Amino acid sequence: MTIKEVSEKFDITADTLRYYERVGLIPPVARNANGNRDYQENDVSWVEHTVCMRNAGVPIEALIEYVKLFQMGDATFCARLDLLKEQYEKLEEQRKQIEATMDRLHYKISKYEEAVKTGKLVWDR
């Protein structure tokens, strides 16, 4: 199948297909004698899978990690899982820091709102 046929089949642009290939969401597509991409059945199933996952809202970064697991085989699965856990823990820590900052900002806002009403600014923390 040509890139045009595949893009029409899945209702995405040819540029999106090229992007998916460039970032590794689909394996490199073989070229025909003219140098054009020649999508085989396996390539089309990767495209279908990627499009379904993207339509479900899965972020590109997560999809890239998911594809790497399949391309590298089971030997790296544990290492990848550990890496993903570390990334998750870092994100959780960032979320907690953001929530603490938001709490402080909400407190300050409430004090300023109270000051506007009463004419006095009082900090009790």
PDB file of N, CA and C in Angstrom:
ATOM      1  N   MET A   1       0.852  -1.183   0.000  1.00  0.00           N
ATOM      2  CA  MET A   1       0.000   0.000   0.000  1.00  0.00           C
ATOM      3  C   MET A   1       0.895   1.242   0.000  1.00  0.00           C
ATOM      4  N   THR A   2       0.413   2.275  -0.643  1.00  0.00           N
ATOM      5  CA  THR A   2       1.157   3.532  -0.658  1.00  0.00           C
ATOM      6  C   THR A   2       0.822   4.338   0.595  1.00  0.00           C
ATOM      7  N   ILE A   3       1.603   5.374   0.833  1.00  0.00           N
ATOM      8  CA  ILE A   3       1.355   6.221   1.999  1.00  0.00           C
ATOM      9  C   ILE A   3      -0.009   6.900   1.888  1.00  0.00           C
ATOM     10  N   LYS A   4      -0.407   7.234   0.674  1.00  0.00           N
ATOM     11  CA  LYS A   4      -1.712   7.867   0.458  1.00  0.00           C
ATOM     12  C   LYS A   4      -2.848   6.902   0.813  1.00  0.00           C
ATOM     13  N   GLU A   5      -2.719   5.653   0.379  1.00  0.00           N
ATOM     14  CA  GLU A   5      -3.752   4.655   0.670  1.00  0.00           C
ATOM     15  C   GLU A   5      -3.883   4.403   2.174  1.00  0.00           C
ATOM     16  N   VAL A   6      -2.744   4.304   2.852  1.00  0.00           N
ATOM     17  CA  VAL A   6      -2.768   4.053   4.296  1.00  0.00           C
ATOM     18  C   VAL A   6      -3.351   5.252   5.032  1.00  0.00           C
ATOM     19  N   SER A   7      -2.946   6.450   4.633  1.00  0.00           N
ATOM     20  CA  SER A   7      -3.463   7.646   5.313  1.00  0.00           C
ATOM     21  C   SER A   7      -4.968   7.789   5.105  1.00  0.00           C
ATOM     22  N   GLU A   8      -5.454   7.457   3.923  1.00  0.00           N
ATOM     23  CA  GLU A   8      -6.904   7.507   3.669  1.00  0.00           C
ATOM     24  C   GLU A   8      -7.639   6.431   4.459  1.00  0.00           C
ATOM     25  N   LYS A   9      -7.041   5.249   4.555  1.00  0.00           N
ATOM     26  CA  LYS A   9      -7.677   4.145   5.271  1.00  0.00           C
ATOM     27  C   LYS A   9      -7.904   4.494   6.745  1.00  0.00           C
ATOM     28  N   PHE A  10      -6.923   5.178   7.356  1.00  0.00           N
ATOM     29  CA  PHE A  10      -7.021   5.484   8.789  1.00  0.00           C
ATOM     30  C   PHE A  10      -7.376   6.936   9.069  1.00  0.00           C
ATOM     31  N   ASP A  11      -7.685   7.689   8.023  1.00  0.00           N
ATOM     32  CA  ASP A  11      -8.116   9.083   8.150  1.00  0.00           C
ATOM     33  C   ASP A  11      -7.086   9.920   8.914  1.00  0.00           C
ATOM     34  N   ILE A  12      -5.831   9.779   8.527  1.00  0.00           N
ATOM     35  CA  ILE A  12      -4.760  10.616   9.069  1.00  0.00           C
ATOM     36  C   ILE A  12      -3.938  11.134   7.893  1.00  0.00           C
ATOM     37  N   THR A  13      -3.134  12.147   8.147  1.00  0.00           N
ATOM     38  CA  THR A  13      -2.351  12.721   7.052  1.00  0.00           C
ATOM     39  C   THR A  13      -1.086  11.911   6.800  1.00  0.00           C
ATOM     40  N   ALA A  14      -0.536  12.077   5.611  1.00  0.00           N
ATOM     41  CA  ALA A  14       0.727  11.428   5.267  1.00  0.00           C
ATOM     42  C   ALA A  14       1.835  11.937   6.183  1.00  0.00           C
ATOM     43  N   ASP A  15       1.777  13.220   6.540  1.00  0.00           N
ATOM     44  CA  ASP A  15       2.778  13.779   7.462  1.00  0.00           C
ATOM     45  C   ASP A  15       2.718  13.097   8.823  1.00  0.00           C
ATOM     46  N   THR A  16       1.523  12.768   9.283  1.00  0.00           N
ATOM     47  CA  THR A  16       1.382  12.056  10.556  1.00  0.00           C
ATOM     48  C   THR A  16       2.020  10.674  10.469  1.00  0.00           C
ATOM     49  N   LEU A  17       1.800   9.995   9.350  1.00  0.00           N
ATOM     50  CA  LEU A  17       2.425   8.678   9.150  1.00  0.00           C
ATOM     51  C   LEU A  17       3.954   8.786   9.167  1.00  0.00           C
ATOM     52  N   ARG A  18       4.473   9.791   8.480  1.00  0.00           N
ATOM     53  CA  ARG A  18       5.923   9.986   8.461  1.00  0.00           C
ATOM     54  C   ARG A  18       6.438  10.278   9.874  1.00  0.00           C
ATOM     55  N   TYR A  19       5.670  11.084  10.622  1.00  0.00           N
ATOM     56  CA  TYR A  19       6.049  11.407  12.006  1.00  0.00           C
ATOM     57  C   TYR A  19       6.074  10.144  12.863  1.00  0.00           C
ATOM     58  N   TYR A  20       5.047   9.320  12.752  1.00  0.00           N
ATOM     59  CA  TYR A  20       4.996   8.068  13.523  1.00  0.00           C
ATOM     60  C   TYR A  20       6.211   7.196  13.227  1.00  0.00           C
ATOM     61  N   GLU A  21       6.610   7.156  11.955  1.00  0.00           N
ATOM     62  CA  GLU A  21       7.780   6.361  11.586  1.00  0.00           C
ATOM     63  C   GLU A  21       9.059   6.998  12.139  1.00  0.00           C
ATOM     64  N   ARG A  22       9.149   8.320  12.039  1.00  0.00           N
ATOM     65  CA  ARG A  22      10.355   9.032  12.484  1.00  0.00           C
ATOM     66  C   ARG A  22      10.603   8.878  13.977  1.00  0.00           C
ATOM     67  N   VAL A  23       9.538   8.942  14.791  1.00  0.00           N
ATOM     68  CA  VAL A  23       9.717   8.835  16.249  1.00  0.00           C
ATOM     69  C   VAL A  23       9.700   7.397  16.742  1.00  0.00           C
ATOM     70  N   GLY A  24       9.476   6.449  15.850  1.00  0.00           N
ATOM     71  CA  GLY A  24       9.564   5.047  16.232  1.00  0.00           C
ATOM     72  C   GLY A  24       8.266   4.396  16.657  1.00  0.00           C
ATOM     73  N   LEU A  25       7.132   5.029  16.379  1.00  0.00           N
ATOM     74  CA  LEU A  25       5.857   4.409  16.734  1.00  0.00           C
ATOM     75  C   LEU A  25       5.496   3.269  15.792  1.00  0.00           C
ATOM     76  N   ILE A  26       5.959   3.373  14.573  1.00  0.00           N
ATOM     77  CA  ILE A  26       5.820   2.262  13.640  1.00  0.00           C
ATOM     78  C   ILE A  26       7.226   1.942  13.130  1.00  0.00           C
ATOM     79  N   PRO A  27       7.502   0.674  12.865  1.00  0.00           N
ATOM     80  CA  PRO A  27       8.837   0.316  12.371  1.00  0.00           C
ATOM     81  C   PRO A  27       9.127   1.006  11.033  1.00  0.00           C
ATOM     82  N   PRO A  28      10.405   1.178  10.711  1.00  0.00           N
ATOM     83  CA  PRO A  28      10.735   1.789   9.407  1.00  0.00           C
ATOM     84  C   PRO A  28      10.067   1.021   8.267  1.00  0.00           C
ATOM     85  N   VAL A  29       9.440   1.758   7.392  1.00  0.00           N
ATOM     86  CA  VAL A  29       8.695   1.151   6.290  1.00  0.00           C
ATOM     87  C   VAL A  29       9.634   0.958   5.098  1.00  0.00           C
ATOM     88  N   ALA A  30       9.554  -0.228   4.497  1.00  0.00           N
ATOM     89  CA  ALA A  30      10.392  -0.537   3.335  1.00  0.00           C
ATOM     90  C   ALA A  30      10.031   0.385   2.174  1.00  0.00           C
ATOM     91  N   ARG A  31      11.002   0.587   1.303  1.00  0.00           N
ATOM     92  CA  ARG A  31      10.789   1.429   0.116  1.00  0.00           C
ATOM     93  C   ARG A  31      10.712   0.551  -1.122  1.00  0.00           C
ATOM     94  N   ASN A  32       9.920   1.000  -2.087  1.00  0.00           N
ATOM     95  CA  ASN A  32       9.858   0.268  -3.358  1.00  0.00           C
ATOM     96  C   ASN A  32      10.973   0.759  -4.280  1.00  0.00           C
ATOM     97  N   ALA A  33      10.986   0.288  -5.507  1.00  0.00           N
ATOM     98  CA  ALA A  33      12.054   0.635  -6.450  1.00  0.00           C
ATOM     99  C   ALA A  33      12.125   2.134  -6.731  1.00  0.00           C
ATOM    100  N   ASN A  34      11.000   2.825  -6.607  1.00  0.00           N
ATOM    101  CA  ASN A  34      10.959   4.263  -6.845  1.00  0.00           C
ATOM    102  C   ASN A  34      11.376   5.074  -5.619  1.00  0.00           C
ATOM    103  N   GLY A  35      11.607   4.389  -4.503  1.00  0.00           N
ATOM    104  CA  GLY A  35      11.988   5.094  -3.278  1.00  0.00           C
ATOM    105  C   GLY A  35      10.802   5.507  -2.424  1.00  0.00           C
ATOM    106  N   ASN A  36       9.602   5.139  -2.829  1.00  0.00           N
ATOM    107  CA  ASN A  36       8.402   5.473  -2.061  1.00  0.00           C
ATOM    108  C   ASN A  36       8.144   4.420  -0.982  1.00  0.00           C
ATOM    109  N   ARG A  37       7.501   4.830   0.080  1.00  0.00           N
ATOM    110  CA  ARG A  37       7.170   3.884   1.147  1.00  0.00           C
ATOM    111  C   ARG A  37       6.181   2.837   0.630  1.00  0.00           C
ATOM    112  N   ASP A  38       6.461   1.586   0.968  1.00  0.00           N
ATOM    113  CA  ASP A  38       5.622   0.473   0.532  1.00  0.00           C
ATOM    114  C   ASP A  38       5.132  -0.246   1.787  1.00  0.00           C
ATOM    115  N   TYR A  39       3.928   0.099   2.237  1.00  0.00           N
ATOM    116  CA  TYR A  39       3.382  -0.444   3.483  1.00  0.00           C
ATOM    117  C   TYR A  39       2.917  -1.876   3.279  1.00  0.00           C
ATOM    118  N   GLN A  40       3.491  -2.785   4.056  1.00  0.00           N
ATOM    119  CA  GLN A  40       3.095  -4.183   4.041  1.00  0.00           C
ATOM    120  C   GLN A  40       2.051  -4.418   5.132  1.00  0.00           C
ATOM    121  N   GLU A  41       1.528  -5.614   5.207  1.00  0.00           N
ATOM    122  CA  GLU A  41       0.477  -5.944   6.184  1.00  0.00           C
ATOM    123  C   GLU A  41       0.921  -5.659   7.621  1.00  0.00           C
ATOM    124  N   ASN A  42       2.159  -6.023   7.965  1.00  0.00           N
ATOM    125  CA  ASN A  42       2.673  -5.786   9.310  1.00  0.00           C
ATOM    126  C   ASN A  42       2.744  -4.288   9.614  1.00  0.00           C
ATOM    127  N   ASP A  43       3.201  -3.487   8.635  1.00  0.00           N
ATOM    128  CA  ASP A  43       3.279  -2.036   8.811  1.00  0.00           C
ATOM    129  C   ASP A  43       1.894  -1.445   9.042  1.00  0.00           C
ATOM    130  N   VAL A  44       0.929  -1.925   8.266  1.00  0.00           N
ATOM    131  CA  VAL A  44      -0.437  -1.415   8.379  1.00  0.00           C
ATOM    132  C   VAL A  44      -1.031  -1.757   9.753  1.00  0.00           C
ATOM    133  N   SER A  45      -0.716  -2.941  10.273  1.00  0.00           N
ATOM    134  CA  SER A  45      -1.250  -3.293  11.594  1.00  0.00           C
ATOM    135  C   SER A  45      -0.614  -2.424  12.680  1.00  0.00           C
ATOM    136  N   TRP A  46       0.680  -2.064  12.525  1.00  0.00           N
ATOM    137  CA  TRP A  46       1.303  -1.124  13.485  1.00  0.00           C
ATOM    138  C   TRP A  46       0.629   0.239  13.406  1.00  0.00           C
ATOM    139  N   VAL A  47       0.330   0.689  12.187  1.00  0.00           N
ATOM    140  CA  VAL A  47      -0.348   1.981  12.019  1.00  0.00           C
ATOM    141  C   VAL A  47      -1.723   1.929  12.680  1.00  0.00           C
ATOM    142  N   GLU A  48      -2.459   0.854  12.419  1.00  0.00           N
ATOM    143  CA  GLU A  48      -3.795   0.704  13.005  1.00  0.00           C
ATOM    144  C   GLU A  48      -3.727   0.741  14.534  1.00  0.00           C
ATOM    145  N   HIS A  49      -2.777   0.008  15.081  1.00  0.00           N
ATOM    146  CA  HIS A  49      -2.604  -0.038  16.535  1.00  0.00           C
ATOM    147  C   HIS A  49      -2.274   1.350  17.083  1.00  0.00           C
ATOM    148  N   THR A  50      -1.363   2.047  16.428  1.00  0.00           N
ATOM    149  CA  THR A  50      -0.957   3.381  16.868  1.00  0.00           C
ATOM    150  C   THR A  50      -2.123   4.358  16.796  1.00  0.00           C
ATOM    151  N   VAL A  51      -2.863   4.324  15.713  1.00  0.00           N
ATOM    152  CA  VAL A  51      -4.009   5.226  15.554  1.00  0.00           C
ATOM    153  C   VAL A  51      -5.059   4.958  16.636  1.00  0.00           C
ATOM    154  N   CYS A  52      -5.328   3.699  16.923  1.00  0.00           N
ATOM    155  CA  CYS A  52      -6.300   3.351  17.974  1.00  0.00           C
ATOM    156  C   CYS A  52      -5.846   3.869  19.335  1.00  0.00           C
ATOM    157  N   MET A  53      -4.563   3.672  19.642  1.00  0.00           N
ATOM    158  CA  MET A  53      -4.038   4.130  20.930  1.00  0.00           C
ATOM    159  C   MET A  53      -4.076   5.651  21.026  1.00  0.00           C
ATOM    160  N   ARG A  54      -3.737   6.340  19.935  1.00  0.00           N
ATOM    161  CA  ARG A  54      -3.773   7.814  19.937  1.00  0.00           C
ATOM    162  C   ARG A  54      -5.213   8.293  20.092  1.00  0.00           C
ATOM    163  N   ASN A  55      -6.160   7.640  19.409  1.00  0.00           N
ATOM    164  CA  ASN A  55      -7.569   8.023  19.527  1.00  0.00           C
ATOM    165  C   ASN A  55      -8.090   7.802  20.943  1.00  0.00           C
ATOM    166  N   ALA A  56      -7.482   6.849  21.650  1.00  0.00           N
ATOM    167  CA  ALA A  56      -7.879   6.581  23.033  1.00  0.00           C
ATOM    168  C   ALA A  56      -7.249   7.586  23.999  1.00  0.00           C
ATOM    169  N   GLY A  57      -6.380   8.462  23.475  1.00  0.00           N
ATOM    170  CA  GLY A  57      -5.792   9.497  24.318  1.00  0.00           C
ATOM    171  C   GLY A  57      -4.451   9.138  24.932  1.00  0.00           C
ATOM    172  N   VAL A  58      -3.839   8.054  24.490  1.00  0.00           N
ATOM    173  CA  VAL A  58      -2.538   7.659  25.044  1.00  0.00           C
ATOM    174  C   VAL A  58      -1.476   8.640  24.534  1.00  0.00           C
ATOM    175  N   PRO A  59      -0.675   9.224  25.435  1.00  0.00           N
ATOM    176  CA  PRO A  59       0.348  10.189  25.010  1.00  0.00           C
ATOM    177  C   PRO A  59       1.416   9.539  24.129  1.00  0.00           C
ATOM    178  N   ILE A  60       1.988  10.335  23.242  1.00  0.00           N
ATOM    179  CA  ILE A  60       3.028   9.864  22.329  1.00  0.00           C
ATOM    180  C   ILE A  60       4.190   9.235  23.097  1.00  0.00           C
ATOM    181  N   GLU A  61       4.607   9.884  24.204  1.00  0.00           N
ATOM    182  CA  GLU A  61       5.752   9.385  24.962  1.00  0.00           C
ATOM    183  C   GLU A  61       5.495   7.972  25.479  1.00  0.00           C
ATOM    184  N   ALA A  62       4.297   7.729  25.973  1.00  0.00           N
ATOM    185  CA  ALA A  62       3.952   6.396  26.484  1.00  0.00           C
ATOM    186  C   ALA A  62       3.920   5.377  25.348  1.00  0.00           C
ATOM    187  N   LEU A  63       3.424   5.787  24.198  1.00  0.00           N
ATOM    188  CA  LEU A  63       3.379   4.878  23.051  1.00  0.00           C
ATOM    189  C   LEU A  63       4.777   4.511  22.587  1.00  0.00           C
ATOM    190  N   ILE A  64       5.687   5.472  22.598  1.00  0.00           N
ATOM    191  CA  ILE A  64       7.062   5.195  22.177  1.00  0.00           C
ATOM    192  C   ILE A  64       7.687   4.156  23.106  1.00  0.00           C
ATOM    193  N   GLU A  65       7.484   4.310  24.417  1.00  0.00           N
ATOM    194  CA  GLU A  65       8.003   3.334  25.376  1.00  0.00           C
ATOM    195  C   GLU A  65       7.374   1.961  25.137  1.00  0.00           C
ATOM    196  N   TYR A  66       6.089   1.945  24.869  1.00  0.00           N
ATOM    197  CA  TYR A  66       5.357   0.703  24.614  1.00  0.00           C
ATOM    198  C   TYR A  66       5.937  -0.017  23.400  1.00  0.00           C
ATOM    199  N   VAL A  67       6.178   0.722  22.319  1.00  0.00           N
ATOM    200  CA  VAL A  67       6.718   0.134  21.099  1.00  0.00           C
ATOM    201  C   VAL A  67       8.138  -0.370  21.334  1.00  0.00           C
ATOM    202  N   LYS A  68       8.932   0.383  22.092  1.00  0.00           N
ATOM    203  CA  LYS A  68      10.306  -0.044  22.380  1.00  0.00           C
ATOM    204  C   LYS A  68      10.319  -1.402  23.081  1.00  0.00           C
ATOM    205  N   LEU A  69       9.363  -1.625  23.969  1.00  0.00           N
ATOM    206  CA  LEU A  69       9.300  -2.906  24.662  1.00  0.00           C
ATOM    207  C   LEU A  69       9.156  -4.059  23.674  1.00  0.00           C
ATOM    208  N   PHE A  70       8.330  -3.884  22.662  1.00  0.00           N
ATOM    209  CA  PHE A  70       8.124  -4.935  21.671  1.00  0.00           C
ATOM    210  C   PHE A  70       9.318  -5.081  20.746  1.00  0.00           C
ATOM    211  N   GLN A  71       9.947  -3.960  20.393  1.00  0.00           N
ATOM    212  CA  GLN A  71      11.068  -4.024  19.463  1.00  0.00           C
ATOM    213  C   GLN A  71      12.313  -4.624  20.112  1.00  0.00           C
ATOM    214  N   MET A  72      12.494  -4.405  21.410  1.00  0.00           N
ATOM    215  CA  MET A  72      13.699  -4.882  22.084  1.00  0.00           C
ATOM    216  C   MET A  72      13.545  -6.271  22.678  1.00  0.00           C
ATOM    217  N   GLY A  73      12.342  -6.742  22.777  1.00  0.00           N
ATOM    218  CA  GLY A  73      12.117  -8.078  23.314  1.00  0.00           C
ATOM    219  C   GLY A  73      12.044  -8.101  24.833  1.00  0.00           C
ATOM    220  N   ASP A  74      11.859  -9.297  25.367  1.00  0.00           N
ATOM    221  CA  ASP A  74      11.645  -9.474  26.798  1.00  0.00           C
ATOM    222  C   ASP A  74      12.851  -9.150  27.659  1.00  0.00           C
ATOM    223  N   ALA A  75      14.068  -9.206  27.115  1.00  0.00           N
ATOM    224  CA  ALA A  75      15.281  -9.016  27.913  1.00  0.00           C
ATOM    225  C   ALA A  75      15.311  -7.641  28.565  1.00  0.00           C
ATOM    226  N   THR A  76      14.739  -6.656  27.917  1.00  0.00           N
ATOM    227  CA  THR A  76      14.784  -5.302  28.464  1.00  0.00           C
ATOM    228  C   THR A  76      13.499  -4.925  29.194  1.00  0.00           C
ATOM    229  N   PHE A  77      12.561  -5.840  29.256  1.00  0.00           N
ATOM    230  CA  PHE A  77      11.268  -5.509  29.847  1.00  0.00           C
ATOM    231  C   PHE A  77      11.411  -5.031  31.295  1.00  0.00           C
ATOM    232  N   CYS A  78      12.162  -5.766  32.104  1.00  0.00           N
ATOM    233  CA  CYS A  78      12.316  -5.396  33.523  1.00  0.00           C
ATOM    234  C   CYS A  78      13.007  -4.043  33.662  1.00  0.00           C
ATOM    235  N   ALA A  79      14.032  -3.823  32.852  1.00  0.00           N
ATOM    236  CA  ALA A  79      14.746  -2.547  32.907  1.00  0.00           C
ATOM    237  C   ALA A  79      13.832  -1.400  32.495  1.00  0.00           C
ATOM    238  N   ARG A  80      13.053  -1.612  31.463  1.00  0.00           N
ATOM    239  CA  ARG A  80      12.111  -0.575  31.015  1.00  0.00           C
ATOM    240  C   ARG A  80      11.048  -0.323  32.087  1.00  0.00           C
ATOM    241  N   LEU A  81      10.558  -1.386  32.688  1.00  0.00           N
ATOM    242  CA  LEU A  81       9.551  -1.237  33.732  1.00  0.00           C
ATOM    243  C   LEU A  81      10.115  -0.440  34.903  1.00  0.00           C
ATOM    244  N   ASP A  82      11.347  -0.742  35.302  1.00  0.00           N
ATOM    245  CA  ASP A  82      11.985   0.012  36.380  1.00  0.00           C
ATOM    246  C   ASP A  82      12.138   1.480  36.002  1.00  0.00           C
ATOM    247  N   LEU A  83      12.527   1.741  34.756  1.00  0.00           N
ATOM    248  CA  LEU A  83      12.663   3.113  34.291  1.00  0.00           C
ATOM    249  C   LEU A  83      11.329   3.846  34.335  1.00  0.00           C
ATOM    250  N   LEU A  84      10.273   3.174  33.880  1.00  0.00           N
ATOM    251  CA  LEU A  84       8.945   3.790  33.909  1.00  0.00           C
ATOM    252  C   LEU A  84       8.493   4.054  35.340  1.00  0.00           C
ATOM    253  N   LYS A  85       8.811   3.149  36.264  1.00  0.00           N
ATOM    254  CA  LYS A  85       8.463   3.360  37.674  1.00  0.00           C
ATOM    255  C   LYS A  85       9.194   4.574  38.229  1.00  0.00           C
ATOM    256  N   GLU A  86      10.484   4.703  37.885  1.00  0.00           N
ATOM    257  CA  GLU A  86      11.257   5.867  38.335  1.00  0.00           C
ATOM    258  C   GLU A  86      10.647   7.158  37.797  1.00  0.00           C
ATOM    259  N   GLN A  87      10.303   7.146  36.525  1.00  0.00           N
ATOM    260  CA  GLN A  87       9.691   8.328  35.923  1.00  0.00           C
ATOM    261  C   GLN A  87       8.376   8.662  36.613  1.00  0.00           C
ATOM    262  N   TYR A  88       7.595   7.637  36.919  1.00  0.00           N
ATOM    263  CA  TYR A  88       6.326   7.838  37.600  1.00  0.00           C
ATOM    264  C   TYR A  88       6.548   8.459  38.980  1.00  0.00           C
ATOM    265  N   GLU A  89       7.535   7.943  39.724  1.00  0.00           N
ATOM    266  CA  GLU A  89       7.820   8.470  41.059  1.00  0.00           C
ATOM    267  C   GLU A  89       8.258   9.930  40.995  1.00  0.00           C
ATOM    268  N   LYS A  90       9.074  10.280  39.996  1.00  0.00           N
ATOM    269  CA  LYS A  90       9.494  11.667  39.830  1.00  0.00           C
ATOM    270  C   LYS A  90       8.301  12.567  39.526  1.00  0.00           C
ATOM    271  N   LEU A  91       7.418  12.071  38.668  1.00  0.00           N
ATOM    272  CA  LEU A  91       6.219  12.849  38.345  1.00  0.00           C
ATOM    273  C   LEU A  91       5.310  13.013  39.563  1.00  0.00           C
ATOM    274  N   GLU A  92       5.214  11.967  40.366  1.00  0.00           N
ATOM    275  CA  GLU A  92       4.412  12.042  41.598  1.00  0.00           C
ATOM    276  C   GLU A  92       4.988  13.100  42.543  1.00  0.00           C
ATOM    277  N   GLU A  93       6.301  13.140  42.677  1.00  0.00           N
ATOM    278  CA  GLU A  93       6.956  14.128  43.530  1.00  0.00           C
ATOM    279  C   GLU A  93       6.699  15.541  43.012  1.00  0.00           C
ATOM    280  N   GLN A  94       6.790  15.703  41.700  1.00  0.00           N
ATOM    281  CA  GLN A  94       6.497  17.006  41.101  1.00  0.00           C
ATOM    282  C   GLN A  94       5.051  17.406  41.360  1.00  0.00           C
ATOM    283  N   ARG A  95       4.131  16.433  41.247  1.00  0.00           N
ATOM    284  CA  ARG A  95       2.715  16.721  41.495  1.00  0.00           C
ATOM    285  C   ARG A  95       2.511  17.189  42.925  1.00  0.00           C
ATOM    286  N   LYS A  96       3.175  16.529  43.889  1.00  0.00           N
ATOM    287  CA  LYS A  96       3.052  16.915  45.296  1.00  0.00           C
ATOM    288  C   LYS A  96       3.597  18.323  45.521  1.00  0.00           C
ATOM    289  N   GLN A  97       4.717  18.646  44.872  1.00  0.00           N
ATOM    290  CA  GLN A  97       5.281  19.984  45.009  1.00  0.00           C
ATOM    291  C   GLN A  97       4.347  21.039  44.431  1.00  0.00           C
ATOM    292  N   ILE A  98       3.744  20.707  43.292  1.00  0.00           N
ATOM    293  CA  ILE A  98       2.800  21.638  42.668  1.00  0.00           C
ATOM    294  C   ILE A  98       1.582  21.827  43.566  1.00  0.00           C
ATOM    295  N   GLU A  99       1.070  20.750  44.150  1.00  0.00           N
ATOM    296  CA  GLU A  99      -0.076  20.858  45.044  1.00  0.00           C
ATOM    297  C   GLU A  99       0.259  21.705  46.266  1.00  0.00           C
ATOM    298  N   ALA A 100       1.469  21.541  46.822  1.00  0.00           N
ATOM    299  CA  ALA A 100       1.878  22.349  47.982  1.00  0.00           C
ATOM    300  C   ALA A 100       1.956  23.820  47.592  1.00  0.00           C
ATOM    301  N   THR A 101       2.488  24.089  46.423  1.00  0.00           N
ATOM    302  CA  THR A 101       2.566  25.473  45.942  1.00  0.00           C
ATOM    303  C   THR A 101       1.169  26.044  45.745  1.00  0.00           C
ATOM    304  N   MET A 102       0.284  25.237  45.183  1.00  0.00           N
ATOM    305  CA  MET A 102      -1.104  25.691  44.980  1.00  0.00           C
ATOM    306  C   MET A 102      -1.775  25.998  46.317  1.00  0.00           C
ATOM    307  N   ASP A 103      -1.548  25.154  47.323  1.00  0.00           N
ATOM    308  CA  ASP A 103      -2.122  25.400  48.650  1.00  0.00           C
ATOM    309  C   ASP A 103      -1.625  26.725  49.215  1.00  0.00           C
ATOM    310  N   ARG A 104      -0.312  26.983  49.091  1.00  0.00           N
ATOM    311  CA  ARG A 104       0.234  28.247  49.590  1.00  0.00           C
ATOM    312  C   ARG A 104      -0.369  29.431  48.847  1.00  0.00           C
ATOM    313  N   LEU A 105      -0.508  29.290  47.528  1.00  0.00           N
ATOM    314  CA  LEU A 105      -1.086  30.379  46.737  1.00  0.00           C
ATOM    315  C   LEU A 105      -2.548  30.614  47.099  1.00  0.00           C
ATOM    316  N   HIS A 106      -3.305  29.546  47.294  1.00  0.00           N
ATOM    317  CA  HIS A 106      -4.711  29.694  47.692  1.00  0.00           C
ATOM    318  C   HIS A 106      -4.808  30.378  49.055  1.00  0.00           C
ATOM    319  N   TYR A 107      -3.906  30.027  49.968  1.00  0.00           N
ATOM    320  CA  TYR A 107      -3.887  30.660  51.287  1.00  0.00           C
ATOM    321  C   TYR A 107      -3.617  32.159  51.151  1.00  0.00           C
ATOM    322  N   LYS A 108      -2.606  32.519  50.366  1.00  0.00           N
ATOM    323  CA  LYS A 108      -2.276  33.928  50.174  1.00  0.00           C
ATOM    324  C   LYS A 108      -3.424  34.681  49.520  1.00  0.00           C
ATOM    325  N   ILE A 109      -4.032  34.057  48.519  1.00  0.00           N
ATOM    326  CA  ILE A 109      -5.168  34.694  47.849  1.00  0.00           C
ATOM    327  C   ILE A 109      -6.296  34.939  48.836  1.00  0.00           C
ATOM    328  N   SER A 110      -6.589  33.949  49.677  1.00  0.00           N
ATOM    329  CA  SER A 110      -7.683  34.126  50.649  1.00  0.00           C
ATOM    330  C   SER A 110      -7.359  35.252  51.623  1.00  0.00           C
ATOM    331  N   LYS A 111      -6.089  35.373  52.031  1.00  0.00           N
ATOM    332  CA  LYS A 111      -5.704  36.446  52.945  1.00  0.00           C
ATOM    333  C   LYS A 111      -5.827  37.810  52.277  1.00  0.00           C
ATOM    334  N   TYR A 112      -5.438  37.891  51.016  1.00  0.00           N
ATOM    335  CA  TYR A 112      -5.587  39.162  50.304  1.00  0.00           C
ATOM    336  C   TYR A 112      -7.056  39.508  50.079  1.00  0.00           C
ATOM    337  N   GLU A 113      -7.875  38.498  49.776  1.00  0.00           N
ATOM    338  CA  GLU A 113      -9.313  38.748  49.628  1.00  0.00           C
ATOM    339  C   GLU A 113      -9.900  39.260  50.934  1.00  0.00           C
ATOM    340  N   GLU A 114      -9.469  38.653  52.054  1.00  0.00           N
ATOM    341  CA  GLU A 114      -9.930  39.090  53.369  1.00  0.00           C
ATOM    342  C   GLU A 114      -9.453  40.509  53.661  1.00  0.00           C
ATOM    343  N   ALA A 115      -8.229  40.815  53.268  1.00  0.00           N
ATOM    344  CA  ALA A 115      -7.682  42.156  53.484  1.00  0.00           C
ATOM    345  C   ALA A 115      -8.455  43.204  52.700  1.00  0.00           C
ATOM    346  N   VAL A 116      -8.875  42.835  51.496  1.00  0.00           N
ATOM    347  CA  VAL A 116      -9.662  43.771  50.694  1.00  0.00           C
ATOM    348  C   VAL A 116     -10.993  44.071  51.381  1.00  0.00           C
ATOM    349  N   LYS A 117     -11.595  43.043  51.977  1.00  0.00           N
ATOM    350  CA  LYS A 117     -12.882  43.208  52.651  1.00  0.00           C
ATOM    351  C   LYS A 117     -12.745  43.994  53.949  1.00  0.00           C
ATOM    352  N   THR A 118     -11.730  43.661  54.744  1.00  0.00           N
ATOM    353  CA  THR A 118     -11.588  44.251  56.083  1.00  0.00           C
ATOM    354  C   THR A 118     -10.672  45.463  56.131  1.00  0.00           C
ATOM    355  N   GLY A 119      -9.828  45.604  55.130  1.00  0.00           N
ATOM    356  CA  GLY A 119      -8.870  46.706  55.166  1.00  0.00           C
ATOM    357  C   GLY A 119      -7.624  46.372  55.954  1.00  0.00           C
ATOM    358  N   LYS A 120      -7.486  45.146  56.462  1.00  0.00           N
ATOM    359  CA  LYS A 120      -6.311  44.739  57.235  1.00  0.00           C
ATOM    360  C   LYS A 120      -5.742  43.438  56.630  1.00  0.00           C
ATOM    361  N   LEU A 121      -4.415  43.399  56.581  1.00  0.00           N
ATOM    362  CA  LEU A 121      -3.757  42.207  56.103  1.00  0.00           C
ATOM    363  C   LEU A 121      -3.109  41.510  57.292  1.00  0.00           C
ATOM    364  N   VAL A 122      -3.600  40.302  57.626  1.00  0.00           N
ATOM    365  CA  VAL A 122      -3.103  39.560  58.779  1.00  0.00           C
ATOM    366  C   VAL A 122      -2.661  38.171  58.318  1.00  0.00           C
ATOM    367  N   TRP A 123      -1.426  37.800  58.684  1.00  0.00           N
ATOM    368  CA  TRP A 123      -0.920  36.474  58.372  1.00  0.00           C
ATOM    369  C   TRP A 123      -0.898  35.671  59.652  1.00  0.00           C
ATOM    370  N   ASP A 124      -1.580  34.555  59.692  1.00  0.00           N
ATOM    371  CA  ASP A 124      -1.552  33.733  60.881  1.00  0.00           C
ATOM    372  C   ASP A 124      -0.735  32.472  60.696  1.00  0.00           C
ATOM    373  N   ARG A 125      -0.063  32.356  59.615  1.00  0.00           N
ATOM    374  CA  ARG A 125       0.831  31.205  59.387  1.00  0.00           C
ATOM    375  C   ARG A 125       2.235  31.711  59.288  1.00  0.00           C
TER     376      ARG A 125
END
